[in-house]
Amino acid sequence: MSIQDLRKRAADPGASKFAQLDIRKDIHLSILKPSHLELKVLCMRRNLTIQEIFEEFVSRIIAGSPDMIEMLNDLETKKRAKQAHKLTNIDAESLYDIIQRG
């Protein structure tokens, strides 16, 4: 079943609640409290829910939206740089330990 088919099924007012729940996947995220607060304020100003925003966000990623793909690439680059920095620090600490023991 395609994503479009699932969306139609979820939006069908005639579908039972069970049928609507059956096509959804619950996820749980942990974000910083200030980020959550700001997001809630932005949602309230536009009469939107975090669920609606997240669903649109995911849809754009899946559709290959250039700005979303660029964001994913940026996040990947930042994560790799952070991991490399951690490894460098670990290597430096290991060398320091070896020198201290030597």
PDB file of N, CA and C in Angstrom:
ATOM      1  N   MET A   1       0.857  -1.173   0.000  1.00  0.00           N
ATOM      2  CA  MET A   1       0.000   0.000   0.000  1.00  0.00           C
ATOM      3  C   MET A   1       0.902   1.235   0.000  1.00  0.00           C
ATOM      4  N   SER A   2       0.608   2.198  -0.878  1.00  0.00           N
ATOM      5  CA  SER A   2       1.445   3.394  -0.983  1.00  0.00           C
ATOM      6  C   SER A   2       1.140   4.376   0.140  1.00  0.00           C
ATOM      7  N   ILE A   3       2.022   5.330   0.293  1.00  0.00           N
ATOM      8  CA  ILE A   3       1.819   6.369   1.308  1.00  0.00           C
ATOM      9  C   ILE A   3       0.550   7.154   1.006  1.00  0.00           C
ATOM     10  N   GLN A   4       0.317   7.440  -0.276  1.00  0.00           N
ATOM     11  CA  GLN A   4      -0.890   8.170  -0.652  1.00  0.00           C
ATOM     12  C   GLN A   4      -2.149   7.389  -0.280  1.00  0.00           C
ATOM     13  N   ASP A   5      -2.123   6.073  -0.493  1.00  0.00           N
ATOM     14  CA  ASP A   5      -3.265   5.232  -0.125  1.00  0.00           C
ATOM     15  C   ASP A   5      -3.495   5.264   1.385  1.00  0.00           C
ATOM     16  N   LEU A   6      -2.396   5.199   2.137  1.00  0.00           N
ATOM     17  CA  LEU A   6      -2.509   5.250   3.595  1.00  0.00           C
ATOM     18  C   LEU A   6      -3.078   6.578   4.060  1.00  0.00           C
ATOM     19  N   ARG A   7      -2.644   7.673   3.427  1.00  0.00           N
ATOM     20  CA  ARG A   7      -3.163   8.996   3.802  1.00  0.00           C
ATOM     21  C   ARG A   7      -4.652   9.111   3.513  1.00  0.00           C
ATOM     22  N   LYS A   8      -5.081   8.575   2.363  1.00  0.00           N
ATOM     23  CA  LYS A   8      -6.506   8.606   2.026  1.00  0.00           C
ATOM     24  C   LYS A   8      -7.309   7.813   3.050  1.00  0.00           C
ATOM     25  N   ARG A   9      -6.777   6.653   3.411  1.00  0.00           N
ATOM     26  CA  ARG A   9      -7.461   5.794   4.389  1.00  0.00           C
ATOM     27  C   ARG A   9      -7.550   6.485   5.752  1.00  0.00           C
ATOM     28  N   ALA A  10      -6.479   7.170   6.140  1.00  0.00           N
ATOM     29  CA  ALA A  10      -6.473   7.860   7.434  1.00  0.00           C
ATOM     30  C   ALA A  10      -7.432   9.035   7.431  1.00  0.00           C
ATOM     31  N   ALA A  11      -7.584   9.692   6.294  1.00  0.00           N
ATOM     32  CA  ALA A  11      -8.436  10.875   6.209  1.00  0.00           C
ATOM     33  C   ALA A  11      -9.904  10.529   5.977  1.00  0.00           C
ATOM     34  N   ASP A  12     -10.210   9.279   5.663  1.00  0.00           N
ATOM     35  CA  ASP A  12     -11.584   8.869   5.367  1.00  0.00           C
ATOM     36  C   ASP A  12     -12.448   8.972   6.619  1.00  0.00           C
ATOM     37  N   PRO A  13     -13.410   9.923   6.628  1.00  0.00           N
ATOM     38  CA  PRO A  13     -14.251  10.078   7.817  1.00  0.00           C
ATOM     39  C   PRO A  13     -15.141   8.867   8.074  1.00  0.00           C
ATOM     40  N   GLY A  14     -15.357   8.041   7.056  1.00  0.00           N
ATOM     41  CA  GLY A  14     -16.192   6.854   7.213  1.00  0.00           C
ATOM     42  C   GLY A  14     -15.444   5.659   7.780  1.00  0.00           C
ATOM     43  N   ALA A  15     -14.126   5.759   7.815  1.00  0.00           N
ATOM     44  CA  ALA A  15     -13.320   4.642   8.325  1.00  0.00           C
ATOM     45  C   ALA A  15     -13.456   4.561   9.840  1.00  0.00           C
ATOM     46  N   SER A  16     -13.421   3.352  10.339  1.00  0.00           N
ATOM     47  CA  SER A  16     -13.506   3.174  11.789  1.00  0.00           C
ATOM     48  C   SER A  16     -12.231   3.707  12.437  1.00  0.00           C
ATOM     49  N   LYS A  17     -12.335   4.022  13.710  1.00  0.00           N
ATOM     50  CA  LYS A  17     -11.152   4.487  14.450  1.00  0.00           C
ATOM     51  C   LYS A  17     -10.069   3.415  14.421  1.00  0.00           C
ATOM     52  N   PHE A  18     -10.469   2.142  14.502  1.00  0.00           N
ATOM     53  CA  PHE A  18      -9.499   1.058  14.468  1.00  0.00           C
ATOM     54  C   PHE A  18      -8.751   1.050  13.137  1.00  0.00           C
ATOM     55  N   ALA A  19      -9.494   1.223  12.049  1.00  0.00           N
ATOM     56  CA  ALA A  19      -8.864   1.244  10.727  1.00  0.00           C
ATOM     57  C   ALA A  19      -7.911   2.417  10.603  1.00  0.00           C
ATOM     58  N   GLN A  20      -8.280   3.565  11.181  1.00  0.00           N
ATOM     59  CA  GLN A  20      -7.413   4.735  11.125  1.00  0.00           C
ATOM     60  C   GLN A  20      -6.166   4.517  11.987  1.00  0.00           C
ATOM     61  N   LEU A  21      -6.345   3.926  13.159  1.00  0.00           N
ATOM     62  CA  LEU A  21      -5.205   3.677  14.040  1.00  0.00           C
ATOM     63  C   LEU A  21      -4.280   2.608  13.464  1.00  0.00           C
ATOM     64  N   ASP A  22      -4.853   1.678  12.744  1.00  0.00           N
ATOM     65  CA  ASP A  22      -4.099   0.560  12.202  1.00  0.00           C
ATOM     66  C   ASP A  22      -3.016   1.009  11.224  1.00  0.00           C
ATOM     67  N   ILE A  23      -3.169   2.166  10.603  1.00  0.00           N
ATOM     68  CA  ILE A  23      -2.199   2.600   9.603  1.00  0.00           C
ATOM     69  C   ILE A  23      -1.194   3.593  10.162  1.00  0.00           C
ATOM     70  N   ARG A  24      -1.313   3.929  11.414  1.00  0.00           N
ATOM     71  CA  ARG A  24      -0.409   4.904  12.024  1.00  0.00           C
ATOM     72  C   ARG A  24       0.634   4.203  12.894  1.00  0.00           C
ATOM     73  N   LYS A  25       1.770   4.841  13.012  1.00  0.00           N
ATOM     74  CA  LYS A  25       2.845   4.339  13.868  1.00  0.00           C
ATOM     75  C   LYS A  25       3.160   5.423  14.882  1.00  0.00           C
ATOM     76  N   ASP A  26       3.014   5.090  16.153  1.00  0.00           N
ATOM     77  CA  ASP A  26       3.367   6.042  17.214  1.00  0.00           C
ATOM     78  C   ASP A  26       4.874   6.118  17.334  1.00  0.00           C
ATOM     79  N   ILE A  27       5.363   7.338  17.502  1.00  0.00           N
ATOM     80  CA  ILE A  27       6.776   7.535  17.770  1.00  0.00           C
ATOM     81  C   ILE A  27       6.900   8.442  18.985  1.00  0.00           C
ATOM     82  N   HIS A  28       8.004   8.338  19.646  1.00  0.00           N
ATOM     83  CA  HIS A  28       8.235   9.159  20.829  1.00  0.00           C
ATOM     84  C   HIS A  28       9.568   9.866  20.669  1.00  0.00           C
ATOM     85  N   LEU A  29       9.544  11.171  20.845  1.00  0.00           N
ATOM     86  CA  LEU A  29      10.737  11.993  20.677  1.00  0.00           C
ATOM     87  C   LEU A  29      11.057  12.698  21.975  1.00  0.00           C
ATOM     88  N   SER A  30      12.307  13.013  22.127  1.00  0.00           N
ATOM     89  CA  SER A  30      12.725  13.805  23.269  1.00  0.00           C
ATOM     90  C   SER A  30      13.425  15.045  22.732  1.00  0.00           C
ATOM     91  N   ILE A  31      12.817  16.208  22.968  1.00  0.00           N
ATOM     92  CA  ILE A  31      13.416  17.460  22.529  1.00  0.00           C
ATOM     93  C   ILE A  31      13.564  18.379  23.734  1.00  0.00           C
ATOM     94  N   LEU A  32      14.404  19.375  23.588  1.00  0.00           N
ATOM     95  CA  LEU A  32      14.618  20.318  24.682  1.00  0.00           C
ATOM     96  C   LEU A  32      13.323  21.056  25.005  1.00  0.00           C
ATOM     97  N   LYS A  33      13.094  21.323  26.278  1.00  0.00           N
ATOM     98  CA  LYS A  33      11.868  21.996  26.705  1.00  0.00           C
ATOM     99  C   LYS A  33      11.668  23.347  26.018  1.00  0.00           C
ATOM    100  N   PRO A  34      12.705  24.179  25.900  1.00  0.00           N
ATOM    101  CA  PRO A  34      12.493  25.464  25.206  1.00  0.00           C
ATOM    102  C   PRO A  34      12.085  25.283  23.741  1.00  0.00           C
ATOM    103  N   SER A  35      12.648  24.269  23.080  1.00  0.00           N
ATOM    104  CA  SER A  35      12.275  23.988  21.691  1.00  0.00           C
ATOM    105  C   SER A  35      10.810  23.580  21.605  1.00  0.00           C
ATOM    106  N   HIS A  36      10.389  22.720  22.530  1.00  0.00           N
ATOM    107  CA  HIS A  36       9.005  22.271  22.554  1.00  0.00           C
ATOM    108  C   HIS A  36       8.059  23.451  22.776  1.00  0.00           C
ATOM    109  N   LEU A  37       8.416  24.306  23.716  1.00  0.00           N
ATOM    110  CA  LEU A  37       7.581  25.471  24.014  1.00  0.00           C
ATOM    111  C   LEU A  37       7.446  26.376  22.797  1.00  0.00           C
ATOM    112  N   GLU A  38       8.546  26.675  22.136  1.00  0.00           N
ATOM    113  CA  GLU A  38       8.506  27.536  20.948  1.00  0.00           C
ATOM    114  C   GLU A  38       7.680  26.897  19.830  1.00  0.00           C
ATOM    115  N   LEU A  39       7.839  25.591  19.662  1.00  0.00           N
ATOM    116  CA  LEU A  39       7.069  24.890  18.633  1.00  0.00           C
ATOM    117  C   LEU A  39       5.581  24.944  18.945  1.00  0.00           C
ATOM    118  N   LYS A  40       5.217  24.735  20.199  1.00  0.00           N
ATOM    119  CA  LYS A  40       3.800  24.807  20.593  1.00  0.00           C
ATOM    120  C   LYS A  40       3.232  26.198  20.321  1.00  0.00           C
ATOM    121  N   VAL A  41       4.005  27.238  20.624  1.00  0.00           N
ATOM    122  CA  VAL A  41       3.552  28.612  20.376  1.00  0.00           C
ATOM    123  C   VAL A  41       3.323  28.823  18.880  1.00  0.00           C
ATOM    124  N   LEU A  42       4.277  28.377  18.064  1.00  0.00           N
ATOM    125  CA  LEU A  42       4.126  28.516  16.605  1.00  0.00           C
ATOM    126  C   LEU A  42       2.899  27.756  16.106  1.00  0.00           C
ATOM    127  N   CYS A  43       2.666  26.582  16.664  1.00  0.00           N
ATOM    128  CA  CYS A  43       1.484  25.794  16.288  1.00  0.00           C
ATOM    129  C   CYS A  43       0.201  26.530  16.656  1.00  0.00           C
ATOM    130  N   MET A  44       0.154  27.028  17.879  1.00  0.00           N
ATOM    131  CA  MET A  44      -1.059  27.694  18.349  1.00  0.00           C
ATOM    132  C   MET A  44      -1.382  28.923  17.503  1.00  0.00           C
ATOM    133  N   ARG A  45      -0.365  29.672  17.114  1.00  0.00           N
ATOM    134  CA  ARG A  45      -0.576  30.867  16.289  1.00  0.00           C
ATOM    135  C   ARG A  45      -1.199  30.529  14.932  1.00  0.00           C
ATOM    136  N   ARG A  46      -0.958  29.308  14.479  1.00  0.00           N
ATOM    137  CA  ARG A  46      -1.451  28.891  13.159  1.00  0.00           C
ATOM    138  C   ARG A  46      -2.580  27.867  13.249  1.00  0.00           C
ATOM    139  N   ASN A  47      -3.028  27.596  14.465  1.00  0.00           N
ATOM    140  CA  ASN A  47      -4.084  26.605  14.681  1.00  0.00           C
ATOM    141  C   ASN A  47      -3.691  25.245  14.086  1.00  0.00           C
ATOM    142  N   LEU A  48      -2.440  24.848  14.327  1.00  0.00           N
ATOM    143  CA  LEU A  48      -1.924  23.568  13.871  1.00  0.00           C
ATOM    144  C   LEU A  48      -1.508  22.740  15.076  1.00  0.00           C
ATOM    145  N   THR A  49      -1.336  21.459  14.849  1.00  0.00           N
ATOM    146  CA  THR A  49      -0.815  20.585  15.900  1.00  0.00           C
ATOM    147  C   THR A  49       0.610  20.168  15.524  1.00  0.00           C
ATOM    148  N   ILE A  50       1.350  19.736  16.515  1.00  0.00           N
ATOM    149  CA  ILE A  50       2.688  19.222  16.246  1.00  0.00           C
ATOM    150  C   ILE A  50       2.579  18.010  15.326  1.00  0.00           C
ATOM    151  N   GLN A  51       1.552  17.206  15.507  1.00  0.00           N
ATOM    152  CA  GLN A  51       1.319  16.044  14.650  1.00  0.00           C
ATOM    153  C   GLN A  51       1.194  16.467  13.181  1.00  0.00           C
ATOM    154  N   GLU A  52       0.416  17.506  12.923  1.00  0.00           N
ATOM    155  CA  GLU A  52       0.237  17.977  11.541  1.00  0.00           C
ATOM    156  C   GLU A  52       1.549  18.479  10.948  1.00  0.00           C
ATOM    157  N   ILE A  53       2.305  19.209  11.752  1.00  0.00           N
ATOM    158  CA  ILE A  53       3.591  19.726  11.275  1.00  0.00           C
ATOM    159  C   ILE A  53       4.553  18.572  10.999  1.00  0.00           C
ATOM    160  N   PHE A  54       4.624  17.627  11.911  1.00  0.00           N
ATOM    161  CA  PHE A  54       5.545  16.509  11.741  1.00  0.00           C
ATOM    162  C   PHE A  54       5.167  15.667  10.527  1.00  0.00           C
ATOM    163  N   GLU A  55       3.878  15.442  10.323  1.00  0.00           N
ATOM    164  CA  GLU A  55       3.428  14.656   9.161  1.00  0.00           C
ATOM    165  C   GLU A  55       3.836  15.348   7.861  1.00  0.00           C
ATOM    166  N   GLU A  56       3.686  16.661   7.808  1.00  0.00           N
ATOM    167  CA  GLU A  56       4.092  17.413   6.610  1.00  0.00           C
ATOM    168  C   GLU A  56       5.605  17.347   6.419  1.00  0.00           C
ATOM    169  N   PHE A  57       6.329  17.481   7.511  1.00  0.00           N
ATOM    170  CA  PHE A  57       7.793  17.406   7.482  1.00  0.00           C
ATOM    171  C   PHE A  57       8.246  16.068   6.897  1.00  0.00           C
ATOM    172  N   VAL A  58       7.691  14.980   7.402  1.00  0.00           N
ATOM    173  CA  VAL A  58       8.038  13.641   6.928  1.00  0.00           C
ATOM    174  C   VAL A  58       7.658  13.478   5.455  1.00  0.00           C
ATOM    175  N   SER A  59       6.491  13.980   5.087  1.00  0.00           N
ATOM    176  CA  SER A  59       6.043  13.884   3.690  1.00  0.00           C
ATOM    177  C   SER A  59       7.019  14.569   2.745  1.00  0.00           C
ATOM    178  N   ARG A  60       7.508  15.723   3.153  1.00  0.00           N
ATOM    179  CA  ARG A  60       8.454  16.457   2.307  1.00  0.00           C
ATOM    180  C   ARG A  60       9.786  15.728   2.189  1.00  0.00           C
ATOM    181  N   ILE A  61      10.220  15.109   3.264  1.00  0.00           N
ATOM    182  CA  ILE A  61      11.469  14.324   3.202  1.00  0.00           C
ATOM    183  C   ILE A  61      11.292  13.157   2.243  1.00  0.00           C
ATOM    184  N   ILE A  62      10.193  12.430   2.408  1.00  0.00           N
ATOM    185  CA  ILE A  62       9.926  11.266   1.563  1.00  0.00           C
ATOM    186  C   ILE A  62       9.802  11.665   0.100  1.00  0.00           C
ATOM    187  N   ALA A  63       9.202  12.830  -0.158  1.00  0.00           N
ATOM    188  CA  ALA A  63       9.019  13.305  -1.528  1.00  0.00           C
ATOM    189  C   ALA A  63      10.327  13.808  -2.147  1.00  0.00           C
ATOM    190  N   GLY A  64      11.365  13.936  -1.320  1.00  0.00           N
ATOM    191  CA  GLY A  64      12.662  14.372  -1.845  1.00  0.00           C
ATOM    192  C   GLY A  64      12.764  15.867  -2.032  1.00  0.00           C
ATOM    193  N   SER A  65      12.022  16.613  -1.232  1.00  0.00           N
ATOM    194  CA  SER A  65      12.078  18.068  -1.312  1.00  0.00           C
ATOM    195  C   SER A  65      13.532  18.531  -1.171  1.00  0.00           C
ATOM    196  N   PRO A  66      14.026  19.343  -2.114  1.00  0.00           N
ATOM    197  CA  PRO A  66      15.443  19.744  -2.081  1.00  0.00           C
ATOM    198  C   PRO A  66      15.872  20.391  -0.765  1.00  0.00           C
ATOM    199  N   ASP A  67      15.028  21.234  -0.184  1.00  0.00           N
ATOM    200  CA  ASP A  67      15.425  21.874   1.072  1.00  0.00           C
ATOM    201  C   ASP A  67      15.490  20.858   2.216  1.00  0.00           C
ATOM    202  N   MET A  68      14.631  19.852   2.194  1.00  0.00           N
ATOM    203  CA  MET A  68      14.665  18.816   3.226  1.00  0.00           C
ATOM    204  C   MET A  68      15.887  17.911   3.054  1.00  0.00           C
ATOM    205  N   ILE A  69      16.213  17.573   1.821  1.00  0.00           N
ATOM    206  CA  ILE A  69      17.385  16.739   1.557  1.00  0.00           C
ATOM    207  C   ILE A  69      18.648  17.499   1.957  1.00  0.00           C
ATOM    208  N   GLU A  70      18.682  18.791   1.673  1.00  0.00           N
ATOM    209  CA  GLU A  70      19.825  19.610   2.086  1.00  0.00           C
ATOM    210  C   GLU A  70      19.958  19.620   3.613  1.00  0.00           C
ATOM    211  N   MET A  71      18.822  19.728   4.307  1.00  0.00           N
ATOM    212  CA  MET A  71      18.846  19.703   5.770  1.00  0.00           C
ATOM    213  C   MET A  71      19.391  18.366   6.274  1.00  0.00           C
ATOM    214  N   LEU A  72      18.937  17.260   5.679  1.00  0.00           N
ATOM    215  CA  LEU A  72      19.427  15.943   6.083  1.00  0.00           C
ATOM    216  C   LEU A  72      20.934  15.827   5.848  1.00  0.00           C
ATOM    217  N   ASN A  73      21.390  16.325   4.702  1.00  0.00           N
ATOM    218  CA  ASN A  73      22.820  16.289   4.406  1.00  0.00           C
ATOM    219  C   ASN A  73      23.617  17.117   5.417  1.00  0.00           C
ATOM    220  N   ASP A  74      23.093  18.290   5.768  1.00  0.00           N
ATOM    221  CA  ASP A  74      23.754  19.139   6.768  1.00  0.00           C
ATOM    222  C   ASP A  74      23.836  18.433   8.124  1.00  0.00           C
ATOM    223  N   LEU A  75      22.728  17.808   8.533  1.00  0.00           N
ATOM    224  CA  LEU A  75      22.719  17.084   9.806  1.00  0.00           C
ATOM    225  C   LEU A  75      23.722  15.931   9.802  1.00  0.00           C
ATOM    226  N   GLU A  76      23.781  15.228   8.670  1.00  0.00           N
ATOM    227  CA  GLU A  76      24.730  14.112   8.558  1.00  0.00           C
ATOM    228  C   GLU A  76      26.166  14.621   8.676  1.00  0.00           C
ATOM    229  N   THR A  77      26.474  15.719   8.006  1.00  0.00           N
ATOM    230  CA  THR A  77      27.811  16.302   8.055  1.00  0.00           C
ATOM    231  C   THR A  77      28.166  16.729   9.473  1.00  0.00           C
ATOM    232  N   LYS A  78      27.227  17.400  10.152  1.00  0.00           N
ATOM    233  CA  LYS A  78      27.463  17.836  11.532  1.00  0.00           C
ATOM    234  C   LYS A  78      27.693  16.643  12.454  1.00  0.00           C
ATOM    235  N   LYS A  79      26.903  15.592  12.263  1.00  0.00           N
ATOM    236  CA  LYS A  79      27.037  14.407  13.117  1.00  0.00           C
ATOM    237  C   LYS A  79      28.391  13.749  12.914  1.00  0.00           C
ATOM    238  N   ARG A  80      28.821  13.631  11.652  1.00  0.00           N
ATOM    239  CA  ARG A  80      30.128  13.027  11.381  1.00  0.00           C
ATOM    240  C   ARG A  80      31.255  13.866  11.969  1.00  0.00           C
ATOM    241  N   ALA A  81      31.136  15.182  11.859  1.00  0.00           N
ATOM    242  CA  ALA A  81      32.157  16.067  12.416  1.00  0.00           C
ATOM    243  C   ALA A  81      32.210  15.924  13.938  1.00  0.00           C
ATOM    244  N   LYS A  82      31.049  15.817  14.561  1.00  0.00           N
ATOM    245  CA  LYS A  82      30.993  15.655  16.017  1.00  0.00           C
ATOM    246  C   LYS A  82      31.625  14.331  16.429  1.00  0.00           C
ATOM    247  N   GLN A  83      31.327  13.265  15.673  1.00  0.00           N
ATOM    248  CA  GLN A  83      31.905  11.958  15.980  1.00  0.00           C
ATOM    249  C   GLN A  83      33.418  11.973  15.782  1.00  0.00           C
ATOM    250  N   ALA A  84      33.869  12.644  14.730  1.00  0.00           N
ATOM    251  CA  ALA A  84      35.306  12.736  14.470  1.00  0.00           C
ATOM    252  C   ALA A  84      35.988  13.507  15.592  1.00  0.00           C
ATOM    253  N   HIS A  85      35.337  14.574  16.058  1.00  0.00           N
ATOM    254  CA  HIS A  85      35.889  15.369  17.158  1.00  0.00           C
ATOM    255  C   HIS A  85      35.979  14.524  18.428  1.00  0.00           C
ATOM    256  N   LYS A  86      34.952  13.723  18.680  1.00  0.00           N
ATOM    257  CA  LYS A  86      34.969  12.837  19.851  1.00  0.00           C
ATOM    258  C   LYS A  86      36.122  11.841  19.752  1.00  0.00           C
ATOM    259  N   LEU A  87      36.295  11.260  18.564  1.00  0.00           N
ATOM    260  CA  LEU A  87      37.372  10.292  18.379  1.00  0.00           C
ATOM    261  C   LEU A  87      38.728  10.954  18.570  1.00  0.00           C
ATOM    262  N   THR A  88      38.872  12.166  18.072  1.00  0.00           N
ATOM    263  CA  THR A  88      40.127  12.891  18.241  1.00  0.00           C
ATOM    264  C   THR A  88      40.410  13.114  19.714  1.00  0.00           C
ATOM    265  N   ASN A  89      39.382  13.501  20.474  1.00  0.00           N
ATOM    266  CA  ASN A  89      39.557  13.701  21.910  1.00  0.00           C
ATOM    267  C   ASN A  89      39.911  12.403  22.611  1.00  0.00           C
ATOM    268  N   ILE A  90      39.280  11.309  22.216  1.00  0.00           N
ATOM    269  CA  ILE A  90      39.576  10.003  22.813  1.00  0.00           C
ATOM    270  C   ILE A  90      41.020   9.617  22.505  1.00  0.00           C
ATOM    271  N   ASP A  91      41.448   9.813  21.243  1.00  0.00           N
ATOM    272  CA  ASP A  91      42.820   9.500  20.868  1.00  0.00           C
ATOM    273  C   ASP A  91      43.807  10.333  21.674  1.00  0.00           C
ATOM    274  N   ALA A  92      43.514  11.615  21.838  1.00  0.00           N
ATOM    275  CA  ALA A  92      44.403  12.489  22.607  1.00  0.00           C
ATOM    276  C   ALA A  92      44.486  12.033  24.055  1.00  0.00           C
ATOM    277  N   GLU A  93      43.355  11.664  24.636  1.00  0.00           N
ATOM    278  CA  GLU A  93      43.348  11.184  26.016  1.00  0.00           C
ATOM    279  C   GLU A  93      44.114   9.874  26.138  1.00  0.00           C
ATOM    280  N   SER A  94      43.948   8.984  25.158  1.00  0.00           N
ATOM    281  CA  SER A  94      44.658   7.707  25.188  1.00  0.00           C
ATOM    282  C   SER A  94      46.160   7.929  25.105  1.00  0.00           C
ATOM    283  N   LEU A  95      46.581   8.810  24.206  1.00  0.00           N
ATOM    284  CA  LEU A  95      48.000   9.113  24.082  1.00  0.00           C
ATOM    285  C   LEU A  95      48.541   9.717  25.370  1.00  0.00           C
ATOM    286  N   TYR A  96      47.786  10.605  25.961  1.00  0.00           N
ATOM    287  CA  TYR A  96      48.205  11.227  27.204  1.00  0.00           C
ATOM    288  C   TYR A  96      48.380  10.168  28.296  1.00  0.00           C
ATOM    289  N   ASP A  97      47.409   9.220  28.351  1.00  0.00           N
ATOM    290  CA  ASP A  97      47.506   8.130  29.338  1.00  0.00           C
ATOM    291  C   ASP A  97      48.756   7.280  29.108  1.00  0.00           C
ATOM    292  N   ILE A  98      49.040   6.984  27.855  1.00  0.00           N
ATOM    293  CA  ILE A  98      50.213   6.168  27.510  1.00  0.00           C
ATOM    294  C   ILE A  98      51.492   6.888  27.923  1.00  0.00           C
ATOM    295  N   ILE A  99      51.552   8.186  27.641  1.00  0.00           N
ATOM    296  CA  ILE A  99      52.722   8.978  28.005  1.00  0.00           C
ATOM    297  C   ILE A  99      52.892   9.015  29.515  1.00  0.00           C
ATOM    298  N   GLN A 100      51.793   9.189  30.228  1.00  0.00           N
ATOM    299  CA  GLN A 100      51.832   9.241  31.684  1.00  0.00           C
ATOM    300  C   GLN A 100      52.345   7.923  32.273  1.00  0.00           C
ATOM    301  N   ARG A 101      51.919   6.810  31.702  1.00  0.00           N
ATOM    302  CA  ARG A 101      52.316   5.487  32.197  1.00  0.00           C
ATOM    303  C   ARG A 101      53.757   5.162  31.817  1.00  0.00           C
ATOM    304  N   GLY A 102      54.215   5.684  30.650  1.00  0.00           N
ATOM    305  CA  GLY A 102      55.530   5.355  30.110  1.00  0.00           C
ATOM    306  C   GLY A 102      56.617   5.839  30.925  1.00  0.00           C
TER     307      GLY A 102
END
